[in-house]
Amino acid sequence: MALTVTWNDAFENSPANTDSPSEGDDKIREVKDAVRERAEQEHLWKDTTLQNEGKHLAGSARAFYAGAAPTTQPNGSNLSTVVDPGRLWVGSSNAQLNIWTGANWVSTIALAGLNVSGALNVGSNLTVQSGLSVAGTSTLTGNVTLGGVDGTLLKFKVIEIGDWDIDASPFINIAHSLGGAWKNVRSTSIIVRNDADTLYSDFLGSVTYGGSGGIQKWLDIDSTNFILGSPGDFQSIDYNSTSYNRGWITVCYTA
């Protein structure tokens, strides 16, 4: 709503001592108009329920929005331990909501964990150092970082195996793009599927013993690749299709 009354020094000094007293009623109404149109910007005014008047309109609360944690009230006074607890600050760099407790700013995530009752969609990296409870479906397209019990951060990554005719070539190198973190790998899980897409198998869990008693499958990791070998279990015509993703590698590594 556009303001119609300009509130400046001239307005505050009106009426002048020399103005006619007959203009007093007009000046009183002008002040009322100036106060009302400013209050109406974000407050209920002339509501049908008297007790509602003056209350904030829905969505009118305005939190601090800054990169650094605020240290003062809007009027410039230092934040108080008595009257200011409950003030909100949204970080301009990460959109994280924080609450002033009277002693410091605390992230709402750190206060009680992150609880999501619907779907959780994360398009970039998700770092969880407190509790994470998701009752709906979670879709994560970035890396997932979890804080371990001992403080170690764990990351998870899923890599497609891609084309692999195991029948013709039981060995394959699959780039992992982990960089120097390849030495931090702590566990892996590999799922492979047959050509008909009717059977999904734990690549490392299915064990075949060769004639010499050796296990006929393995996974090695070097600075560039996952190196898979399966000259036994999956070397058959059921696993010879190409232009077909053979399965997935899920890797857990420390941050």
C-alpha atoms as a PDB file:
ATOM      1  CA  MET A   1       0.000   0.000   0.000  1.00  0.00           C
ATOM      2  CA  ALA A   2       1.405   3.391  -0.996  1.00  0.00           C
ATOM      3  CA  LEU A   3       1.764   5.999   1.747  1.00  0.00           C
ATOM      4  CA  THR A   4      -0.090   9.258   1.151  1.00  0.00           C
ATOM      5  CA  VAL A   5       1.213  11.307   4.079  1.00  0.00           C
ATOM      6  CA  THR A   6       4.883  12.266   4.084  1.00  0.00           C
ATOM      7  CA  TRP A   7       6.293  12.120   7.597  1.00  0.00           C
ATOM      8  CA  ASN A   8       9.163  14.586   7.750  1.00  0.00           C
ATOM      9  CA  ASP A   9      10.302  17.557   9.852  1.00  0.00           C
ATOM     10  CA  ALA A  10       7.685  19.830   8.257  1.00  0.00           C
ATOM     11  CA  PHE A  11       4.939  17.348   9.160  1.00  0.00           C
ATOM     12  CA  GLU A  12       6.156  17.011  12.737  1.00  0.00           C
ATOM     13  CA  ASN A  13       6.333  20.806  13.153  1.00  0.00           C
ATOM     14  CA  SER A  14       2.780  21.270  11.903  1.00  0.00           C
ATOM     15  CA  PRO A  15       0.651  22.967  13.078  1.00  0.00           C
ATOM     16  CA  ALA A  16       2.851  25.957  13.756  1.00  0.00           C
ATOM     17  CA  ASN A  17       2.267  28.171  16.761  1.00  0.00           C
ATOM     18  CA  THR A  18       0.856  30.824  14.466  1.00  0.00           C
ATOM     19  CA  ASP A  19      -1.624  28.501  12.673  1.00  0.00           C
ATOM     20  CA  SER A  20      -5.318  28.991  13.251  1.00  0.00           C
ATOM     21  CA  PRO A  21      -6.792  26.785  16.023  1.00  0.00           C
ATOM     22  CA  SER A  22      -9.624  25.964  13.627  1.00  0.00           C
ATOM     23  CA  GLU A  23      -7.207  23.738  11.695  1.00  0.00           C
ATOM     24  CA  GLY A  24      -6.534  21.578  14.760  1.00  0.00           C
ATOM     25  CA  ASP A  25      -9.145  18.920  13.941  1.00  0.00           C
ATOM     26  CA  ASP A  26      -7.722  18.528  10.438  1.00  0.00           C
ATOM     27  CA  LYS A  27      -4.193  18.113  11.810  1.00  0.00           C
ATOM     28  CA  ILE A  28      -5.353  15.505  14.324  1.00  0.00           C
ATOM     29  CA  ARG A  29      -7.004  13.472  11.554  1.00  0.00           C
ATOM     30  CA  GLU A  30      -3.872  13.855   9.416  1.00  0.00           C
ATOM     31  CA  VAL A  31      -1.716  12.372  12.207  1.00  0.00           C
ATOM     32  CA  LYS A  32      -4.178   9.492  12.611  1.00  0.00           C
ATOM     33  CA  ASP A  33      -4.001   8.807   8.878  1.00  0.00           C
ATOM     34  CA  ALA A  34      -0.195   8.863   8.901  1.00  0.00           C
ATOM     35  CA  VAL A  35      -0.012   6.426  11.832  1.00  0.00           C
ATOM     36  CA  ARG A  36      -2.685   4.119  10.409  1.00  0.00           C
ATOM     37  CA  GLU A  37      -1.245   3.768   6.919  1.00  0.00           C
ATOM     38  CA  ARG A  38       2.172   2.949   8.365  1.00  0.00           C
ATOM     39  CA  ALA A  39       0.828   0.448  10.857  1.00  0.00           C
ATOM     40  CA  GLU A  40      -1.308  -1.193   8.170  1.00  0.00           C
ATOM     41  CA  GLN A  41       1.819  -2.088   6.227  1.00  0.00           C
ATOM     42  CA  GLU A  42       2.329  -5.181   8.402  1.00  0.00           C
ATOM     43  CA  HIS A  43      -0.328  -5.093  11.155  1.00  0.00           C
ATOM     44  CA  LEU A  44      -4.035  -5.783  11.409  1.00  0.00           C
ATOM     45  CA  TRP A  45      -5.954  -2.515  11.583  1.00  0.00           C
ATOM     46  CA  LYS A  46      -9.658  -1.886  12.049  1.00  0.00           C
ATOM     47  CA  ASP A  47     -10.213  -5.651  12.277  1.00  0.00           C
ATOM     48  CA  THR A  48     -13.716  -6.965  12.928  1.00  0.00           C
ATOM     49  CA  THR A  49     -12.358  -8.480  16.164  1.00  0.00           C
ATOM     50  CA  LEU A  50     -11.069  -5.736  18.436  1.00  0.00           C
ATOM     51  CA  GLN A  51      -8.501  -7.971  20.184  1.00  0.00           C
ATOM     52  CA  ASN A  52      -6.832  -8.746  16.853  1.00  0.00           C
ATOM     53  CA  GLU A  53      -5.970  -5.138  16.071  1.00  0.00           C
ATOM     54  CA  GLY A  54      -2.278  -4.336  16.045  1.00  0.00           C
ATOM     55  CA  LYS A  55      -1.200  -7.962  15.630  1.00  0.00           C
ATOM     56  CA  HIS A  56       1.289  -8.835  12.887  1.00  0.00           C
ATOM     57  CA  LEU A  57      -0.099  -9.870   9.521  1.00  0.00           C
ATOM     58  CA  ALA A  58       0.756 -13.417   8.436  1.00  0.00           C
ATOM     59  CA  GLY A  59       4.283 -13.455   7.042  1.00  0.00           C
ATOM     60  CA  SER A  60       5.166 -10.018   8.391  1.00  0.00           C
ATOM     61  CA  ALA A  61       7.770 -11.167  10.926  1.00  0.00           C
ATOM     62  CA  ARG A  62      11.211 -10.229   9.632  1.00  0.00           C
ATOM     63  CA  ALA A  63      14.268 -12.109  10.866  1.00  0.00           C
ATOM     64  CA  PHE A  64      17.833 -10.859  10.739  1.00  0.00           C
ATOM     65  CA  TYR A  65      19.334 -11.708   7.333  1.00  0.00           C
ATOM     66  CA  ALA A  66      23.109 -11.463   7.227  1.00  0.00           C
ATOM     67  CA  GLY A  67      26.252 -13.479   6.652  1.00  0.00           C
ATOM     68  CA  ALA A  68      27.652 -12.829  10.133  1.00  0.00           C
ATOM     69  CA  ALA A  69      25.799 -13.440  13.381  1.00  0.00           C
ATOM     70  CA  PRO A  70      24.036 -10.239  14.587  1.00  0.00           C
ATOM     71  CA  THR A  71      25.281  -8.729  17.846  1.00  0.00           C
ATOM     72  CA  THR A  72      22.819  -5.846  18.249  1.00  0.00           C
ATOM     73  CA  GLN A  73      19.099  -5.179  18.227  1.00  0.00           C
ATOM     74  CA  PRO A  74      17.622  -3.254  15.264  1.00  0.00           C
ATOM     75  CA  ASN A  75      17.914  -0.054  17.332  1.00  0.00           C
ATOM     76  CA  GLY A  76      21.662  -0.580  17.780  1.00  0.00           C
ATOM     77  CA  SER A  77      21.576  -1.791  21.401  1.00  0.00           C
ATOM     78  CA  ASN A  78      23.445  -4.968  22.257  1.00  0.00           C
ATOM     79  CA  LEU A  79      21.431  -8.176  22.177  1.00  0.00           C
ATOM     80  CA  SER A  80      19.930  -8.826  25.596  1.00  0.00           C
ATOM     81  CA  THR A  81      19.909 -12.015  27.641  1.00  0.00           C
ATOM     82  CA  VAL A  82      16.494 -11.032  29.020  1.00  0.00           C
ATOM     83  CA  VAL A  83      14.225  -9.626  26.314  1.00  0.00           C
ATOM     84  CA  ASP A  84      15.878 -10.919  23.118  1.00  0.00           C
ATOM     85  CA  PRO A  85      15.853 -14.750  23.416  1.00  0.00           C
ATOM     86  CA  GLY A  86      13.791 -16.119  20.523  1.00  0.00           C
ATOM     87  CA  ARG A  87      15.006 -13.639  17.917  1.00  0.00           C
ATOM     88  CA  LEU A  88      15.684 -15.274  14.550  1.00  0.00           C
ATOM     89  CA  TRP A  89      18.614 -14.950  12.177  1.00  0.00           C
ATOM     90  CA  VAL A  90      18.787 -16.470   8.681  1.00  0.00           C
ATOM     91  CA  GLY A  91      22.299 -16.849   7.314  1.00  0.00           C
ATOM     92  CA  SER A  92      22.526 -15.120   3.935  1.00  0.00           C
ATOM     93  CA  SER A  93      25.206 -17.545   2.725  1.00  0.00           C
ATOM     94  CA  ASN A  94      23.518 -20.839   3.684  1.00  0.00           C
ATOM     95  CA  ALA A  95      19.836 -19.997   4.413  1.00  0.00           C
ATOM     96  CA  GLN A  96      20.256 -21.641   7.822  1.00  0.00           C
ATOM     97  CA  LEU A  97      17.806 -20.596  10.537  1.00  0.00           C
ATOM     98  CA  ASN A  98      19.284 -19.721  13.942  1.00  0.00           C
ATOM     99  CA  ILE A  99      17.735 -18.760  17.306  1.00  0.00           C
ATOM    100  CA  TRP A 100      19.169 -16.353  19.879  1.00  0.00           C
ATOM    101  CA  THR A 101      19.111 -18.178  23.223  1.00  0.00           C
ATOM    102  CA  GLY A 102      20.237 -15.230  25.315  1.00  0.00           C
ATOM    103  CA  ALA A 103      23.813 -16.489  25.313  1.00  0.00           C
ATOM    104  CA  ASN A 104      24.515 -17.259  21.652  1.00  0.00           C
ATOM    105  CA  TRP A 105      23.003 -18.090  18.286  1.00  0.00           C
ATOM    106  CA  VAL A 106      22.095 -21.770  17.885  1.00  0.00           C
ATOM    107  CA  SER A 107      21.146 -23.470  14.627  1.00  0.00           C
ATOM    108  CA  THR A 108      17.631 -24.907  14.663  1.00  0.00           C
ATOM    109  CA  ILE A 109      19.102 -28.072  13.144  1.00  0.00           C
ATOM    110  CA  ALA A 110      21.574 -28.388  15.996  1.00  0.00           C
ATOM    111  CA  LEU A 111      18.811 -27.805  18.563  1.00  0.00           C
ATOM    112  CA  ALA A 112      16.732 -30.855  17.783  1.00  0.00           C
ATOM    113  CA  GLY A 113      18.088 -32.564  14.699  1.00  0.00           C
ATOM    114  CA  LEU A 114      16.485 -32.344  11.265  1.00  0.00           C
ATOM    115  CA  ASN A 115      13.026 -33.905  11.150  1.00  0.00           C
ATOM    116  CA  VAL A 116      11.318 -34.221   7.787  1.00  0.00           C
ATOM    117  CA  SER A 117       7.809 -35.650   7.581  1.00  0.00           C
ATOM    118  CA  GLY A 118       7.572 -35.439   3.799  1.00  0.00           C
ATOM    119  CA  ALA A 119      10.023 -35.906   0.944  1.00  0.00           C
ATOM    120  CA  LEU A 120      13.546 -34.553   1.371  1.00  0.00           C
ATOM    121  CA  ASN A 121      15.182 -33.443  -1.876  1.00  0.00           C
ATOM    122  CA  VAL A 122      18.793 -32.299  -1.724  1.00  0.00           C
ATOM    123  CA  GLY A 123      20.401 -31.035  -4.903  1.00  0.00           C
ATOM    124  CA  SER A 124      23.845 -30.331  -3.481  1.00  0.00           C
ATOM    125  CA  ASN A 125      25.817 -31.624  -0.506  1.00  0.00           C
ATOM    126  CA  LEU A 126      24.012 -32.594   2.717  1.00  0.00           C
ATOM    127  CA  THR A 127      26.013 -32.545   5.942  1.00  0.00           C
ATOM    128  CA  VAL A 128      24.357 -34.021   9.043  1.00  0.00           C
ATOM    129  CA  GLN A 129      26.148 -33.655  12.379  1.00  0.00           C
ATOM    130  CA  SER A 130      23.088 -34.063  14.580  1.00  0.00           C
ATOM    131  CA  GLY A 131      19.961 -36.218  14.226  1.00  0.00           C
ATOM    132  CA  LEU A 132      18.278 -36.768  10.874  1.00  0.00           C
ATOM    133  CA  SER A 133      14.801 -38.277  10.835  1.00  0.00           C
ATOM    134  CA  VAL A 134      13.004 -38.604   7.502  1.00  0.00           C
ATOM    135  CA  ALA A 135       9.561 -40.185   7.400  1.00  0.00           C
ATOM    136  CA  GLY A 136       9.077 -39.661   3.666  1.00  0.00           C
ATOM    137  CA  THR A 137      11.178 -40.368   0.596  1.00  0.00           C
ATOM    138  CA  SER A 138      14.676 -38.863   0.475  1.00  0.00           C
ATOM    139  CA  THR A 139      16.191 -37.930  -2.873  1.00  0.00           C
ATOM    140  CA  LEU A 140      19.858 -36.934  -2.695  1.00  0.00           C
ATOM    141  CA  THR A 141      21.654 -35.913  -5.883  1.00  0.00           C
ATOM    142  CA  GLY A 142      24.806 -34.668  -4.136  1.00  0.00           C
ATOM    143  CA  ASN A 143      27.220 -36.250  -1.675  1.00  0.00           C
ATOM    144  CA  VAL A 144      25.897 -37.281   1.745  1.00  0.00           C
ATOM    145  CA  THR A 145      28.096 -36.562   4.762  1.00  0.00           C
ATOM    146  CA  LEU A 146      27.260 -38.106   8.135  1.00  0.00           C
ATOM    147  CA  GLY A 147      28.933 -37.368  11.458  1.00  0.00           C
ATOM    148  CA  GLY A 148      30.104 -40.612  13.062  1.00  0.00           C
ATOM    149  CA  VAL A 149      29.899 -41.387  16.773  1.00  0.00           C
ATOM    150  CA  ASP A 150      33.610 -40.708  17.219  1.00  0.00           C
ATOM    151  CA  GLY A 151      33.404 -37.459  15.243  1.00  0.00           C
ATOM    152  CA  THR A 152      34.581 -38.996  11.957  1.00  0.00           C
ATOM    153  CA  LEU A 153      32.621 -37.715   8.974  1.00  0.00           C
ATOM    154  CA  LEU A 154      31.473 -40.427   6.579  1.00  0.00           C
ATOM    155  CA  LYS A 155      30.633 -39.812   2.942  1.00  0.00           C
ATOM    156  CA  PHE A 156      28.693 -42.067   0.587  1.00  0.00           C
ATOM    157  CA  LYS A 157      28.812 -42.213  -3.185  1.00  0.00           C
ATOM    158  CA  VAL A 158      26.966 -44.398  -5.698  1.00  0.00           C
ATOM    159  CA  ILE A 159      28.707 -45.178  -9.002  1.00  0.00           C
ATOM    160  CA  GLU A 160      27.186 -46.952 -11.982  1.00  0.00           C
ATOM    161  CA  ILE A 161      29.193 -49.914 -13.254  1.00  0.00           C
ATOM    162  CA  GLY A 162      28.023 -49.241 -16.798  1.00  0.00           C
ATOM    163  CA  ASP A 163      28.701 -51.598 -19.719  1.00  0.00           C
ATOM    164  CA  TRP A 164      30.172 -54.933 -18.646  1.00  0.00           C
ATOM    165  CA  ASP A 165      29.959 -58.156 -20.662  1.00  0.00           C
ATOM    166  CA  ILE A 166      31.187 -60.385 -17.863  1.00  0.00           C
ATOM    167  CA  ASP A 167      30.978 -63.501 -20.044  1.00  0.00           C
ATOM    168  CA  ALA A 168      33.501 -62.096 -22.539  1.00  0.00           C
ATOM    169  CA  SER A 169      35.634 -60.090 -20.114  1.00  0.00           C
ATOM    170  CA  PRO A 170      35.462 -61.003 -16.425  1.00  0.00           C
ATOM    171  CA  PHE A 171      37.615 -58.025 -15.430  1.00  0.00           C
ATOM    172  CA  ILE A 172      36.753 -54.322 -15.538  1.00  0.00           C
ATOM    173  CA  ASN A 173      38.134 -50.977 -14.387  1.00  0.00           C
ATOM    174  CA  ILE A 174      35.577 -48.404 -13.221  1.00  0.00           C
ATOM    175  CA  ALA A 175      36.689 -44.812 -12.566  1.00  0.00           C
ATOM    176  CA  HIS A 176      35.707 -43.661  -9.075  1.00  0.00           C
ATOM    177  CA  SER A 177      36.633 -39.928  -9.231  1.00  0.00           C
ATOM    178  CA  LEU A 178      37.456 -39.938  -5.517  1.00  0.00           C
ATOM    179  CA  GLY A 179      40.759 -38.197  -5.956  1.00  0.00           C
ATOM    180  CA  GLY A 180      42.993 -38.482  -2.910  1.00  0.00           C
ATOM    181  CA  ALA A 181      40.051 -39.784  -0.857  1.00  0.00           C
ATOM    182  CA  TRP A 182      40.424 -43.236  -2.447  1.00  0.00           C
ATOM    183  CA  LYS A 183      42.696 -44.165   0.462  1.00  0.00           C
ATOM    184  CA  ASN A 184      39.877 -43.265   2.860  1.00  0.00           C
ATOM    185  CA  VAL A 185      37.453 -45.902   1.559  1.00  0.00           C
ATOM    186  CA  ARG A 186      36.131 -47.894   4.504  1.00  0.00           C
ATOM    187  CA  SER A 187      33.459 -50.119   2.945  1.00  0.00           C
ATOM    188  CA  THR A 188      31.882 -50.965  -0.395  1.00  0.00           C
ATOM    189  CA  SER A 189      28.763 -52.685  -1.646  1.00  0.00           C
ATOM    190  CA  ILE A 190      28.345 -53.934  -5.215  1.00  0.00           C
ATOM    191  CA  ILE A 191      25.072 -54.979  -6.835  1.00  0.00           C
ATOM    192  CA  VAL A 192      25.063 -56.589 -10.299  1.00  0.00           C
ATOM    193  CA  ARG A 193      22.018 -57.570 -12.342  1.00  0.00           C
ATOM    194  CA  ASN A 194      21.459 -60.071 -15.115  1.00  0.00           C
ATOM    195  CA  ASP A 195      20.597 -59.170 -18.707  1.00  0.00           C
ATOM    196  CA  ALA A 196      16.890 -59.787 -18.172  1.00  0.00           C
ATOM    197  CA  ASP A 197      16.865 -57.418 -15.198  1.00  0.00           C
ATOM    198  CA  THR A 198      15.171 -60.144 -13.160  1.00  0.00           C
ATOM    199  CA  LEU A 199      17.963 -60.942 -10.706  1.00  0.00           C
ATOM    200  CA  TYR A 200      19.987 -58.553  -8.564  1.00  0.00           C
ATOM    201  CA  SER A 201      22.975 -60.093  -6.766  1.00  0.00           C
ATOM    202  CA  ASP A 202      25.500 -59.077  -4.147  1.00  0.00           C
ATOM    203  CA  PHE A 203      28.664 -59.207  -6.221  1.00  0.00           C
ATOM    204  CA  LEU A 204      30.991 -59.846  -3.301  1.00  0.00           C
ATOM    205  CA  GLY A 205      28.524 -61.896  -1.278  1.00  0.00           C
ATOM    206  CA  SER A 206      28.046 -64.663  -3.857  1.00  0.00           C
ATOM    207  CA  VAL A 207      31.059 -66.940  -3.455  1.00  0.00           C
ATOM    208  CA  THR A 208      32.300 -69.478  -5.965  1.00  0.00           C
ATOM    209  CA  TYR A 209      35.335 -71.647  -5.295  1.00  0.00           C
ATOM    210  CA  GLY A 210      37.570 -72.638  -8.166  1.00  0.00           C
ATOM    211  CA  GLY A 211      39.293 -75.931  -8.582  1.00  0.00           C
ATOM    212  CA  SER A 212      42.215 -74.751  -6.473  1.00  0.00           C
ATOM    213  CA  GLY A 213      39.906 -73.581  -3.685  1.00  0.00           C
ATOM    214  CA  GLY A 214      40.344 -69.859  -4.448  1.00  0.00           C
ATOM    215  CA  ILE A 215      37.471 -67.357  -4.423  1.00  0.00           C
ATOM    216  CA  GLN A 216      36.688 -66.386  -8.007  1.00  0.00           C
ATOM    217  CA  LYS A 217      35.794 -62.750  -7.474  1.00  0.00           C
ATOM    218  CA  TRP A 218      37.365 -59.640  -5.980  1.00  0.00           C
ATOM    219  CA  LEU A 219      37.437 -55.863  -5.718  1.00  0.00           C
ATOM    220  CA  ASP A 220      40.622 -53.779  -5.694  1.00  0.00           C
ATOM    221  CA  ILE A 221      40.921 -49.988  -5.483  1.00  0.00           C
ATOM    222  CA  ASP A 222      43.726 -47.825  -6.793  1.00  0.00           C
ATOM    223  CA  SER A 223      44.088 -44.072  -7.205  1.00  0.00           C
ATOM    224  CA  THR A 224      41.872 -44.028 -10.290  1.00  0.00           C
ATOM    225  CA  ASN A 225      39.668 -47.119 -10.511  1.00  0.00           C
ATOM    226  CA  PHE A 226      37.658 -49.797  -8.840  1.00  0.00           C
ATOM    227  CA  ILE A 227      39.007 -53.054 -10.291  1.00  0.00           C
ATOM    228  CA  LEU A 228      36.406 -55.817 -10.386  1.00  0.00           C
ATOM    229  CA  GLY A 229      37.046 -59.436 -11.296  1.00  0.00           C
ATOM    230  CA  SER A 230      34.569 -62.298 -11.660  1.00  0.00           C
ATOM    231  CA  PRO A 231      35.951 -65.236 -13.683  1.00  0.00           C
ATOM    232  CA  GLY A 232      33.491 -67.552 -11.926  1.00  0.00           C
ATOM    233  CA  ASP A 233      30.035 -66.623 -10.621  1.00  0.00           C
ATOM    234  CA  PHE A 234      28.765 -64.255 -13.301  1.00  0.00           C
ATOM    235  CA  GLN A 235      30.708 -65.441 -16.343  1.00  0.00           C
ATOM    236  CA  SER A 236      27.756 -66.725 -18.356  1.00  0.00           C
ATOM    237  CA  ILE A 237      25.428 -65.773 -21.204  1.00  0.00           C
ATOM    238  CA  ASP A 238      23.073 -64.266 -18.628  1.00  0.00           C
ATOM    239  CA  TYR A 239      25.583 -61.446 -18.122  1.00  0.00           C
ATOM    240  CA  ASN A 240      26.792 -60.625 -21.643  1.00  0.00           C
ATOM    241  CA  SER A 241      24.546 -57.753 -22.762  1.00  0.00           C
ATOM    242  CA  THR A 242      26.136 -54.426 -23.653  1.00  0.00           C
ATOM    243  CA  SER A 243      24.731 -50.883 -23.740  1.00  0.00           C
ATOM    244  CA  TYR A 244      23.330 -51.802 -20.364  1.00  0.00           C
ATOM    245  CA  ASN A 245      24.268 -50.707 -16.855  1.00  0.00           C
ATOM    246  CA  ARG A 246      25.473 -53.856 -15.137  1.00  0.00           C
ATOM    247  CA  GLY A 247      24.899 -52.502 -11.631  1.00  0.00           C
ATOM    248  CA  TRP A 248      26.093 -50.134  -8.941  1.00  0.00           C
ATOM    249  CA  ILE A 249      28.953 -49.632  -6.509  1.00  0.00           C
ATOM    250  CA  THR A 250      28.148 -47.899  -3.223  1.00  0.00           C
ATOM    251  CA  VAL A 251      31.259 -46.661  -1.468  1.00  0.00           C
ATOM    252  CA  CYS A 252      31.641 -45.286   2.054  1.00  0.00           C
ATOM    253  CA  TYR A 253      34.727 -43.199   2.812  1.00  0.00           C
ATOM    254  CA  THR A 254      35.910 -40.760   5.457  1.00  0.00           C
ATOM    255  CA  ALA A 255      35.829 -37.044   4.764  1.00  0.00           C
END
